[in-house]
PDB file of N, CA and C in Angstrom:
ATOM      1  N   MET A   1       0.850  -1.164   0.000  1.00  0.00           N
ATOM      2  CA  MET A   1       0.000   0.000   0.000  1.00  0.00           C
ATOM      3  C   MET A   1       0.901   1.234   0.000  1.00  0.00           C
ATOM      4  N   ASN A   2       0.678   2.147  -0.939  1.00  0.00           N
ATOM      5  CA  ASN A   2       1.502   3.343  -0.965  1.00  0.00           C
ATOM      6  C   ASN A   2       0.840   4.484  -0.192  1.00  0.00           C
ATOM      7  N   GLU A   3       1.566   5.573  -0.045  1.00  0.00           N
ATOM      8  CA  GLU A   3       1.100   6.680   0.791  1.00  0.00           C
ATOM      9  C   GLU A   3      -0.207   7.274   0.276  1.00  0.00           C
ATOM     10  N   ARG A   4      -0.352   7.391  -1.033  1.00  0.00           N
ATOM     11  CA  ARG A   4      -1.571   7.956  -1.608  1.00  0.00           C
ATOM     12  C   ARG A   4      -2.782   7.086  -1.293  1.00  0.00           C
ATOM     13  N   GLN A   5      -2.616   5.766  -1.391  1.00  0.00           N
ATOM     14  CA  GLN A   5      -3.714   4.849  -1.077  1.00  0.00           C
ATOM     15  C   GLN A   5      -4.072   4.914   0.405  1.00  0.00           C
ATOM     16  N   ILE A   6      -3.066   5.014   1.257  1.00  0.00           N
ATOM     17  CA  ILE A   6      -3.313   5.086   2.701  1.00  0.00           C
ATOM     18  C   ILE A   6      -4.076   6.351   3.049  1.00  0.00           C
ATOM     19  N   LEU A   7      -3.648   7.493   2.504  1.00  0.00           N
ATOM     20  CA  LEU A   7      -4.322   8.760   2.791  1.00  0.00           C
ATOM     21  C   LEU A   7      -5.769   8.746   2.297  1.00  0.00           C
ATOM     22  N   ALA A   8      -6.001   8.174   1.123  1.00  0.00           N
ATOM     23  CA  ALA A   8      -7.368   8.073   0.603  1.00  0.00           C
ATOM     24  C   ALA A   8      -8.222   7.182   1.499  1.00  0.00           C
ATOM     25  N   LEU A   9      -7.648   6.091   1.970  1.00  0.00           N
ATOM     26  CA  LEU A   9      -8.378   5.173   2.853  1.00  0.00           C
ATOM     27  C   LEU A   9      -8.687   5.845   4.189  1.00  0.00           C
ATOM     28  N   LEU A  10      -7.738   6.590   4.738  1.00  0.00           N
ATOM     29  CA  LEU A  10      -7.969   7.284   5.996  1.00  0.00           C
ATOM     30  C   LEU A  10      -9.035   8.359   5.854  1.00  0.00           C
ATOM     31  N   LYS A  11      -9.107   8.962   4.670  1.00  0.00           N
ATOM     32  CA  LYS A  11     -10.058  10.047   4.440  1.00  0.00           C
ATOM     33  C   LYS A  11     -11.472   9.539   4.171  1.00  0.00           C
ATOM     34  N   THR A  12     -11.597   8.473   3.376  1.00  0.00           N
ATOM     35  CA  THR A  12     -12.927   8.040   2.938  1.00  0.00           C
ATOM     36  C   THR A  12     -13.403   6.731   3.560  1.00  0.00           C
ATOM     37  N   GLY A  13     -12.502   5.991   4.190  1.00  0.00           N
ATOM     38  CA  GLY A  13     -12.865   4.680   4.720  1.00  0.00           C
ATOM     39  C   GLY A  13     -13.598   4.747   6.051  1.00  0.00           C
ATOM     40  N   GLN A  14     -14.083   3.601   6.475  1.00  0.00           N
ATOM     41  CA  GLN A  14     -14.749   3.471   7.766  1.00  0.00           C
ATOM     42  C   GLN A  14     -13.729   2.973   8.784  1.00  0.00           C
ATOM     43  N   VAL A  15     -14.074   3.083  10.075  1.00  0.00           N
ATOM     44  CA  VAL A  15     -13.144   2.735  11.149  1.00  0.00           C
ATOM     45  C   VAL A  15     -13.798   1.748  12.114  1.00  0.00           C
ATOM     46  N   VAL A  16     -12.979   0.773  12.559  1.00  0.00           N
ATOM     47  CA  VAL A  16     -13.385  -0.179  13.594  1.00  0.00           C
ATOM     48  C   VAL A  16     -12.269  -0.204  14.636  1.00  0.00           C
ATOM     49  N   PHE A  17     -12.643  -0.203  15.927  1.00  0.00           N
ATOM     50  CA  PHE A  17     -11.672  -0.294  17.018  1.00  0.00           C
ATOM     51  C   PHE A  17     -11.827  -1.629  17.733  1.00  0.00           C
ATOM     52  N   HIS A  18     -10.731  -2.294  17.935  1.00  0.00           N
ATOM     53  CA  HIS A  18     -10.639  -3.459  18.816  1.00  0.00           C
ATOM     54  C   HIS A  18      -9.255  -3.374  19.426  1.00  0.00           C
ATOM     55  N   TYR A  19      -9.200  -2.991  20.695  1.00  0.00           N
ATOM     56  CA  TYR A  19      -7.912  -2.768  21.330  1.00  0.00           C
ATOM     57  C   TYR A  19      -7.018  -3.984  21.162  1.00  0.00           C
ATOM     58  N   PRO A  20      -5.789  -3.822  20.753  1.00  0.00           N
ATOM     59  CA  PRO A  20      -4.975  -2.624  20.562  1.00  0.00           C
ATOM     60  C   PRO A  20      -4.915  -2.146  19.112  1.00  0.00           C
ATOM     61  N   LEU A  21      -5.982  -2.364  18.327  1.00  0.00           N
ATOM     62  CA  LEU A  21      -5.943  -2.025  16.911  1.00  0.00           C
ATOM     63  C   LEU A  21      -7.031  -1.031  16.533  1.00  0.00           C
ATOM     64  N   LYS A  22      -6.676  -0.139  15.621  1.00  0.00           N
ATOM     65  CA  LYS A  22      -7.626   0.744  14.968  1.00  0.00           C
ATOM     66  C   LYS A  22      -7.543   0.387  13.492  1.00  0.00           C
ATOM     67  N   VAL A  23      -8.661   0.010  12.899  1.00  0.00           N
ATOM     68  CA  VAL A  23      -8.655  -0.510  11.536  1.00  0.00           C
ATOM     69  C   VAL A  23      -9.494   0.394  10.632  1.00  0.00           C
ATOM     70  N   HIS A  24      -8.856   0.891   9.570  1.00  0.00           N
ATOM     71  CA  HIS A  24      -9.540   1.653   8.531  1.00  0.00           C
ATOM     72  C   HIS A  24      -9.774   0.700   7.373  1.00  0.00           C
ATOM     73  N   PHE A  25     -10.980   0.744   6.785  1.00  0.00           N
ATOM     74  CA  PHE A  25     -11.287  -0.187   5.702  1.00  0.00           C
ATOM     75  C   PHE A  25     -12.303   0.415   4.760  1.00  0.00           C
ATOM     76  N   GLN A  26     -12.314  -0.133   3.550  1.00  0.00           N
ATOM     77  CA  GLN A  26     -13.347   0.162   2.564  1.00  0.00           C
ATOM     78  C   GLN A  26     -13.340  -0.945   1.525  1.00  0.00           C
ATOM     79  N   GLU A  27     -14.470  -1.126   0.863  1.00  0.00           N
ATOM     80  CA  GLU A  27     -14.534  -2.112  -0.212  1.00  0.00           C
ATOM     81  C   GLU A  27     -13.538  -1.679  -1.271  1.00  0.00           C
ATOM     82  N   GLY A  28     -12.791  -2.634  -1.802  1.00  0.00           N
ATOM     83  CA  GLY A  28     -11.801  -2.219  -2.781  1.00  0.00           C
ATOM     84  C   GLY A  28     -10.980  -3.357  -3.319  1.00  0.00           C
ATOM     85  N   GLY A  29      -9.724  -3.047  -3.623  1.00  0.00           N
ATOM     86  CA  GLY A  29      -8.852  -3.952  -4.334  1.00  0.00           C
ATOM     87  C   GLY A  29      -8.121  -4.982  -3.509  1.00  0.00           C
ATOM     88  N   GLY A  30      -8.302  -5.019  -2.218  1.00  0.00           N
ATOM     89  CA  GLY A  30      -7.653  -6.030  -1.402  1.00  0.00           C
ATOM     90  C   GLY A  30      -6.280  -5.644  -0.889  1.00  0.00           C
ATOM     91  N   ASP A  31      -5.971  -4.356  -0.865  1.00  0.00           N
ATOM     92  CA  ASP A  31      -4.676  -3.912  -0.328  1.00  0.00           C
ATOM     93  C   ASP A  31      -4.682  -3.991   1.188  1.00  0.00           C
ATOM     94  N   PHE A  32      -3.484  -4.180   1.759  1.00  0.00           N
ATOM     95  CA  PHE A  32      -3.348  -4.340   3.206  1.00  0.00           C
ATOM     96  C   PHE A  32      -2.107  -3.595   3.680  1.00  0.00           C
ATOM     97  N   GLY A  33      -2.225  -2.905   4.811  1.00  0.00           N
ATOM     98  CA  GLY A  33      -1.082  -2.203   5.381  1.00  0.00           C
ATOM     99  C   GLY A  33      -1.146  -2.181   6.895  1.00  0.00           C
ATOM    100  N   VAL A  34       0.023  -2.034   7.525  1.00  0.00           N
ATOM    101  CA  VAL A  34       0.131  -2.002   8.983  1.00  0.00           C
ATOM    102  C   VAL A  34       1.039  -0.847   9.376  1.00  0.00           C
ATOM    103  N   SER A  35       0.670  -0.152  10.455  1.00  0.00           N
ATOM    104  CA  SER A  35       1.513   0.918  10.970  1.00  0.00           C
ATOM    105  C   SER A  35       1.600   0.815  12.487  1.00  0.00           C
ATOM    106  N   VAL A  36       2.826   0.979  12.992  1.00  0.00           N
ATOM    107  CA  VAL A  36       3.067   1.033  14.429  1.00  0.00           C
ATOM    108  C   VAL A  36       3.805   2.354  14.663  1.00  0.00           C
ATOM    109  N   PRO A  37       3.252   3.254  15.485  1.00  0.00           N
ATOM    110  CA  PRO A  37       3.825   4.594  15.609  1.00  0.00           C
ATOM    111  C   PRO A  37       5.173   4.634  16.325  1.00  0.00           C
ATOM    112  N   LYS A  38       6.062   5.419  15.757  1.00  0.00           N
ATOM    113  CA  LYS A  38       7.377   5.628  16.353  1.00  0.00           C
ATOM    114  C   LYS A  38       7.255   6.407  17.664  1.00  0.00           C
ATOM    115  N   ARG A  39       6.198   7.167  17.788  1.00  0.00           N
ATOM    116  CA  ARG A  39       5.971   7.943  19.009  1.00  0.00           C
ATOM    117  C   ARG A  39       5.844   7.047  20.240  1.00  0.00           C
ATOM    118  N   ASN A  40       5.195   5.896  20.063  1.00  0.00           N
ATOM    119  CA  ASN A  40       4.967   4.984  21.188  1.00  0.00           C
ATOM    120  C   ASN A  40       6.068   3.941  21.348  1.00  0.00           C
ATOM    121  N   PHE A  41       6.724   3.592  20.238  1.00  0.00           N
ATOM    122  CA  PHE A  41       7.764   2.560  20.266  1.00  0.00           C
ATOM    123  C   PHE A  41       8.995   3.097  19.555  1.00  0.00           C
ATOM    124  N   LYS A  42       9.911   3.621  20.335  1.00  0.00           N
ATOM    125  CA  LYS A  42      11.095   4.290  19.782  1.00  0.00           C
ATOM    126  C   LYS A  42      12.023   3.325  19.047  1.00  0.00           C
ATOM    127  N   ARG A  43      12.126   2.114  19.525  1.00  0.00           N
ATOM    128  CA  ARG A  43      13.051   1.146  18.943  1.00  0.00           C
ATOM    129  C   ARG A  43      12.403   0.409  17.764  1.00  0.00           C
ATOM    130  N   ALA A  44      13.115   0.373  16.649  1.00  0.00           N
ATOM    131  CA  ALA A  44      12.601  -0.280  15.445  1.00  0.00           C
ATOM    132  C   ALA A  44      12.349  -1.763  15.676  1.00  0.00           C
ATOM    133  N   VAL A  45      13.108  -2.376  16.563  1.00  0.00           N
ATOM    134  CA  VAL A  45      12.938  -3.799  16.858  1.00  0.00           C
ATOM    135  C   VAL A  45      11.527  -4.066  17.379  1.00  0.00           C
ATOM    136  N   ARG A  46      11.048  -3.211  18.264  1.00  0.00           N
ATOM    137  CA  ARG A  46       9.694  -3.378  18.826  1.00  0.00           C
ATOM    138  C   ARG A  46       8.625  -3.135  17.762  1.00  0.00           C
ATOM    139  N   ARG A  47       8.807  -2.067  16.970  1.00  0.00           N
ATOM    140  CA  ARG A  47       7.838  -1.773  15.909  1.00  0.00           C
ATOM    141  C   ARG A  47       7.757  -2.926  14.920  1.00  0.00           C
ATOM    142  N   ASN A  48       8.897  -3.456  14.515  1.00  0.00           N
ATOM    143  CA  ASN A  48       8.911  -4.564  13.566  1.00  0.00           C
ATOM    144  C   ASN A  48       8.285  -5.823  14.153  1.00  0.00           C
ATOM    145  N   LEU A  49       8.524  -6.069  15.445  1.00  0.00           N
ATOM    146  CA  LEU A  49       7.916  -7.217  16.115  1.00  0.00           C
ATOM    147  C   LEU A  49       6.389  -7.122  16.064  1.00  0.00           C
ATOM    148  N   LEU A  50       5.863  -5.950  16.391  1.00  0.00           N
ATOM    149  CA  LEU A  50       4.413  -5.771  16.387  1.00  0.00           C
ATOM    150  C   LEU A  50       3.839  -5.877  14.976  1.00  0.00           C
ATOM    151  N   LYS A  51       4.529  -5.312  13.992  1.00  0.00           N
ATOM    152  CA  LYS A  51       4.058  -5.420  12.610  1.00  0.00           C
ATOM    153  C   LYS A  51       4.045  -6.873  12.144  1.00  0.00           C
ATOM    154  N   ARG A  52       5.075  -7.641  12.508  1.00  0.00           N
ATOM    155  CA  ARG A  52       5.102  -9.061  12.150  1.00  0.00           C
ATOM    156  C   ARG A  52       3.938  -9.807  12.787  1.00  0.00           C
ATOM    157  N   ARG A  53       3.657  -9.507  14.042  1.00  0.00           N
ATOM    158  CA  ARG A  53       2.550 -10.179  14.736  1.00  0.00           C
ATOM    159  C   ARG A  53       1.204  -9.856  14.085  1.00  0.00           C
ATOM    160  N   VAL A  54       1.001  -8.592  13.739  1.00  0.00           N
ATOM    161  CA  VAL A  54      -0.267  -8.199  13.110  1.00  0.00           C
ATOM    162  C   VAL A  54      -0.404  -8.841  11.734  1.00  0.00           C
ATOM    163  N   ARG A  55       0.661  -8.816  10.937  1.00  0.00           N
ATOM    164  CA  ARG A  55       0.605  -9.423   9.602  1.00  0.00           C
ATOM    165  C   ARG A  55       0.319 -10.920   9.676  1.00  0.00           C
ATOM    166  N   GLU A  56       0.961 -11.605  10.615  1.00  0.00           N
ATOM    167  CA  GLU A  56       0.748 -13.043  10.758  1.00  0.00           C
ATOM    168  C   GLU A  56      -0.683 -13.339  11.192  1.00  0.00           C
ATOM    169  N   ALA A  57      -1.212 -12.555  12.128  1.00  0.00           N
ATOM    170  CA  ALA A  57      -2.590 -12.742  12.577  1.00  0.00           C
ATOM    171  C   ALA A  57      -3.555 -12.516  11.412  1.00  0.00           C
ATOM    172  N   TYR A  58      -3.287 -11.505  10.596  1.00  0.00           N
ATOM    173  CA  TYR A  58      -4.143 -11.247   9.433  1.00  0.00           C
ATOM    174  C   TYR A  58      -4.062 -12.409   8.440  1.00  0.00           C
ATOM    175  N   ARG A  59      -2.852 -12.883   8.174  1.00  0.00           N
ATOM    176  CA  ARG A  59      -2.660 -13.978   7.221  1.00  0.00           C
ATOM    177  C   ARG A  59      -3.448 -15.216   7.639  1.00  0.00           C
ATOM    178  N   LEU A  60      -3.405 -15.537   8.929  1.00  0.00           N
ATOM    179  CA  LEU A  60      -4.077 -16.735   9.419  1.00  0.00           C
ATOM    180  C   LEU A  60      -5.596 -16.579   9.505  1.00  0.00           C
ATOM    181  N   ASN A  61      -6.083 -15.347   9.659  1.00  0.00           N
ATOM    182  CA  ASN A  61      -7.516 -15.115   9.830  1.00  0.00           C
ATOM    183  C   ASN A  61      -8.206 -14.532   8.604  1.00  0.00           C
ATOM    184  N   ALA A  62      -7.502 -14.351   7.505  1.00  0.00           N
ATOM    185  CA  ALA A  62      -8.077 -13.715   6.316  1.00  0.00           C
ATOM    186  C   ALA A  62      -9.271 -14.491   5.766  1.00  0.00           C
ATOM    187  N   GLY A  63      -9.340 -15.763   6.010  1.00  0.00           N
ATOM    188  CA  GLY A  63     -10.463 -16.567   5.542  1.00  0.00           C
ATOM    189  C   GLY A  63     -11.791 -16.186   6.173  1.00  0.00           C
ATOM    190  N   ARG A  64     -11.758 -15.474   7.264  1.00  0.00           N
ATOM    191  CA  ARG A  64     -12.993 -15.060   7.946  1.00  0.00           C
ATOM    192  C   ARG A  64     -13.793 -14.034   7.147  1.00  0.00           C
ATOM    193  N   LEU A  65     -13.188 -13.432   6.118  1.00  0.00           N
ATOM    194  CA  LEU A  65     -13.881 -12.422   5.321  1.00  0.00           C
ATOM    195  C   LEU A  65     -14.871 -13.035   4.335  1.00  0.00           C
ATOM    196  N   ASN A  66     -14.877 -14.354   4.213  1.00  0.00           N
ATOM    197  CA  ASN A  66     -15.833 -15.065   3.354  1.00  0.00           C
ATOM    198  C   ASN A  66     -15.801 -14.576   1.910  1.00  0.00           C
ATOM    199  N   GLY A  67     -14.615 -14.349   1.383  1.00  0.00           N
ATOM    200  CA  GLY A  67     -14.482 -13.957  -0.016  1.00  0.00           C
ATOM    201  C   GLY A  67     -14.687 -12.481  -0.301  1.00  0.00           C
ATOM    202  N   ARG A  68     -15.044 -11.700   0.695  1.00  0.00           N
ATOM    203  CA  ARG A  68     -15.196 -10.257   0.485  1.00  0.00           C
ATOM    204  C   ARG A  68     -13.827  -9.620   0.353  1.00  0.00           C
ATOM    205  N   ILE A  69     -13.743  -8.568  -0.445  1.00  0.00           N
ATOM    206  CA  ILE A  69     -12.460  -7.914  -0.688  1.00  0.00           C
ATOM    207  C   ILE A  69     -12.506  -6.494  -0.152  1.00  0.00           C
ATOM    208  N   TYR A  70     -11.594  -6.203   0.764  1.00  0.00           N
ATOM    209  CA  TYR A  70     -11.498  -4.880   1.382  1.00  0.00           C
ATOM    210  C   TYR A  70     -10.076  -4.365   1.267  1.00  0.00           C
ATOM    211  N   ASP A  71      -9.949  -3.036   1.203  1.00  0.00           N
ATOM    212  CA  ASP A  71      -8.669  -2.389   1.468  1.00  0.00           C
ATOM    213  C   ASP A  71      -8.633  -2.206   2.977  1.00  0.00           C
ATOM    214  N   ILE A  72      -7.574  -2.673   3.622  1.00  0.00           N
ATOM    215  CA  ILE A  72      -7.496  -2.641   5.086  1.00  0.00           C
ATOM    216  C   ILE A  72      -6.178  -2.017   5.506  1.00  0.00           C
ATOM    217  N   PHE A  73      -6.258  -1.064   6.444  1.00  0.00           N
ATOM    218  CA  PHE A  73      -5.072  -0.465   7.027  1.00  0.00           C
ATOM    219  C   PHE A  73      -5.214  -0.570   8.541  1.00  0.00           C
ATOM    220  N   ILE A  74      -4.278  -1.276   9.172  1.00  0.00           N
ATOM    221  CA  ILE A  74      -4.328  -1.502  10.615  1.00  0.00           C
ATOM    222  C   ILE A  74      -3.309  -0.596  11.294  1.00  0.00           C
ATOM    223  N   TYR A  75      -3.777   0.157  12.281  1.00  0.00           N
ATOM    224  CA  TYR A  75      -2.935   1.064  13.046  1.00  0.00           C
ATOM    225  C   TYR A  75      -2.890   0.547  14.483  1.00  0.00           C
ATOM    226  N   TYR A  76      -1.717   0.271  14.983  1.00  0.00           N
ATOM    227  CA  TYR A  76      -1.550  -0.262  16.338  1.00  0.00           C
ATOM    228  C   TYR A  76      -1.623   0.910  17.323  1.00  0.00           C
ATOM    229  N   ILE A  77      -2.662   0.963  18.174  1.00  0.00           N
ATOM    230  CA  ILE A  77      -2.845   2.088  19.082  1.00  0.00           C
ATOM    231  C   ILE A  77      -2.420   1.783  20.516  1.00  0.00           C
ATOM    232  N   GLY A  78      -2.046   0.544  20.799  1.00  0.00           N
ATOM    233  CA  GLY A  78      -1.628   0.173  22.153  1.00  0.00           C
ATOM    234  C   GLY A  78      -0.340   0.869  22.552  1.00  0.00           C
ATOM    235  N   LYS A  79      -0.163   1.059  23.843  1.00  0.00           N
ATOM    236  CA  LYS A  79       1.047   1.697  24.371  1.00  0.00           C
ATOM    237  C   LYS A  79       2.081   0.671  24.823  1.00  0.00           C
ATOM    238  N   GLU A  80       1.666  -0.579  24.941  1.00  0.00           N
ATOM    239  CA  GLU A  80       2.538  -1.667  25.385  1.00  0.00           C
ATOM    240  C   GLU A  80       2.656  -2.704  24.271  1.00  0.00           C
ATOM    241  N   VAL A  81       3.689  -3.505  24.333  1.00  0.00           N
ATOM    242  CA  VAL A  81       3.838  -4.619  23.400  1.00  0.00           C
ATOM    243  C   VAL A  81       2.928  -5.743  23.885  1.00  0.00           C
ATOM    244  N   GLU A  82       1.875  -6.003  23.105  1.00  0.00           N
ATOM    245  CA  GLU A  82       0.920  -7.060  23.460  1.00  0.00           C
ATOM    246  C   GLU A  82       1.428  -8.404  22.943  1.00  0.00           C
ATOM    247  N   ASP A  83       1.029  -9.473  23.610  1.00  0.00           N
ATOM    248  CA  ASP A  83       1.432 -10.794  23.146  1.00  0.00           C
ATOM    249  C   ASP A  83       0.630 -11.175  21.897  1.00  0.00           C
ATOM    250  N   TYR A  84       1.117 -12.177  21.186  1.00  0.00           N
ATOM    251  CA  TYR A  84       0.516 -12.556  19.912  1.00  0.00           C
ATOM    252  C   TYR A  84      -0.946 -12.975  20.072  1.00  0.00           C
ATOM    253  N   GLU A  85      -1.283 -13.675  21.133  1.00  0.00           N
ATOM    254  CA  GLU A  85      -2.646 -14.157  21.316  1.00  0.00           C
ATOM    255  C   GLU A  85      -3.643 -12.998  21.369  1.00  0.00           C
ATOM    256  N   ARG A  86      -3.274 -11.927  22.048  1.00  0.00           N
ATOM    257  CA  ARG A  86      -4.147 -10.748  22.157  1.00  0.00           C
ATOM    258  C   ARG A  86      -4.331 -10.090  20.790  1.00  0.00           C
ATOM    259  N   ILE A  87      -3.253  -9.963  20.039  1.00  0.00           N
ATOM    260  CA  ILE A  87      -3.327  -9.359  18.712  1.00  0.00           C
ATOM    261  C   ILE A  87      -4.155 -10.248  17.780  1.00  0.00           C
ATOM    262  N   ASP A  88      -3.939 -11.554  17.842  1.00  0.00           N
ATOM    263  CA  ASP A  88      -4.683 -12.491  17.007  1.00  0.00           C
ATOM    264  C   ASP A  88      -6.178 -12.411  17.293  1.00  0.00           C
ATOM    265  N   LYS A  89      -6.533 -12.330  18.554  1.00  0.00           N
ATOM    266  CA  LYS A  89      -7.940 -12.224  18.947  1.00  0.00           C
ATOM    267  C   LYS A  89      -8.561 -10.938  18.404  1.00  0.00           C
ATOM    268  N   SER A  90      -7.834  -9.831  18.484  1.00  0.00           N
ATOM    269  CA  SER A  90      -8.342  -8.553  17.986  1.00  0.00           C
ATOM    270  C   SER A  90      -8.518  -8.577  16.476  1.00  0.00           C
ATOM    271  N   VAL A  91      -7.549  -9.121  15.755  1.00  0.00           N
ATOM    272  CA  VAL A  91      -7.651  -9.207  14.295  1.00  0.00           C
ATOM    273  C   VAL A  91      -8.837 -10.086  13.913  1.00  0.00           C
ATOM    274  N   ALA A  92      -9.025 -11.201  14.603  1.00  0.00           N
ATOM    275  CA  ALA A  92     -10.150 -12.095  14.315  1.00  0.00           C
ATOM    276  C   ALA A  92     -11.478 -11.373  14.533  1.00  0.00           C
ATOM    277  N   GLN A  93     -11.598 -10.591  15.607  1.00  0.00           N
ATOM    278  CA  GLN A  93     -12.824  -9.842  15.878  1.00  0.00           C
ATOM    279  C   GLN A  93     -13.091  -8.814  14.798  1.00  0.00           C
ATOM    280  N   VAL A  94     -12.036  -8.120  14.375  1.00  0.00           N
ATOM    281  CA  VAL A  94     -12.196  -7.119  13.312  1.00  0.00           C
ATOM    282  C   VAL A  94     -12.669  -7.766  12.019  1.00  0.00           C
ATOM    283  N   LEU A  95     -12.053  -8.860  11.635  1.00  0.00           N
ATOM    284  CA  LEU A  95     -12.437  -9.523  10.390  1.00  0.00           C
ATOM    285  C   LEU A  95     -13.843 -10.108  10.470  1.00  0.00           C
ATOM    286  N   ASP A  96     -14.237 -10.584  11.642  1.00  0.00           N
ATOM    287  CA  ASP A  96     -15.613 -11.056  11.817  1.00  0.00           C
ATOM    288  C   ASP A  96     -16.594  -9.899  11.657  1.00  0.00           C
ATOM    289  N   ASP A  97     -16.253  -8.720  12.199  1.00  0.00           N
ATOM    290  CA  ASP A  97     -17.094  -7.535  12.045  1.00  0.00           C
ATOM    291  C   ASP A  97     -17.229  -7.155  10.569  1.00  0.00           C
ATOM    292  N   LEU A  98     -16.117  -7.177   9.847  1.00  0.00           N
ATOM    293  CA  LEU A  98     -16.160  -6.833   8.427  1.00  0.00           C
ATOM    294  C   LEU A  98     -16.979  -7.846   7.631  1.00  0.00           C
ATOM    295  N   ALA A  99     -16.874  -9.119   7.964  1.00  0.00           N
ATOM    296  CA  ALA A  99     -17.630 -10.146   7.247  1.00  0.00           C
ATOM    297  C   ALA A  99     -19.127 -10.004   7.498  1.00  0.00           C
ATOM    298  N   ALA A 100     -19.509  -9.484   8.667  1.00  0.00           N
ATOM    299  CA  ALA A 100     -20.920  -9.330   9.018  1.00  0.00           C
ATOM    300  C   ALA A 100     -21.559  -8.112   8.347  1.00  0.00           C
ATOM    301  N   ARG A 101     -20.762  -7.229   7.793  1.00  0.00           N
ATOM    302  CA  ARG A 101     -21.320  -6.008   7.166  1.00  0.00           C
ATOM    303  C   ARG A 101     -21.925  -6.300   5.815  1.00  0.00           C
TER     304      ARG A 101
END
């Protein structure tokens, strides 16, 4: 996902919150992006760890969308490094919400 696509999604897309994630989405081409703010996690190692966890949770739970195609941008809003199980649960809840729409 490039910067122009992200800005358009943030401007026109809908939002779902499931702590520790804020998810912007809209019907579209199936693009996916993840952001972890440098403001909350100064060390790149922590940011990369969280991005890997979110991407893996999305990869494993993508089937919950039941064939629907969305542009999805996930923003990590937590202040602490959450364990994988918590992130996986949040991603699953978000995808279930999107599938129900």
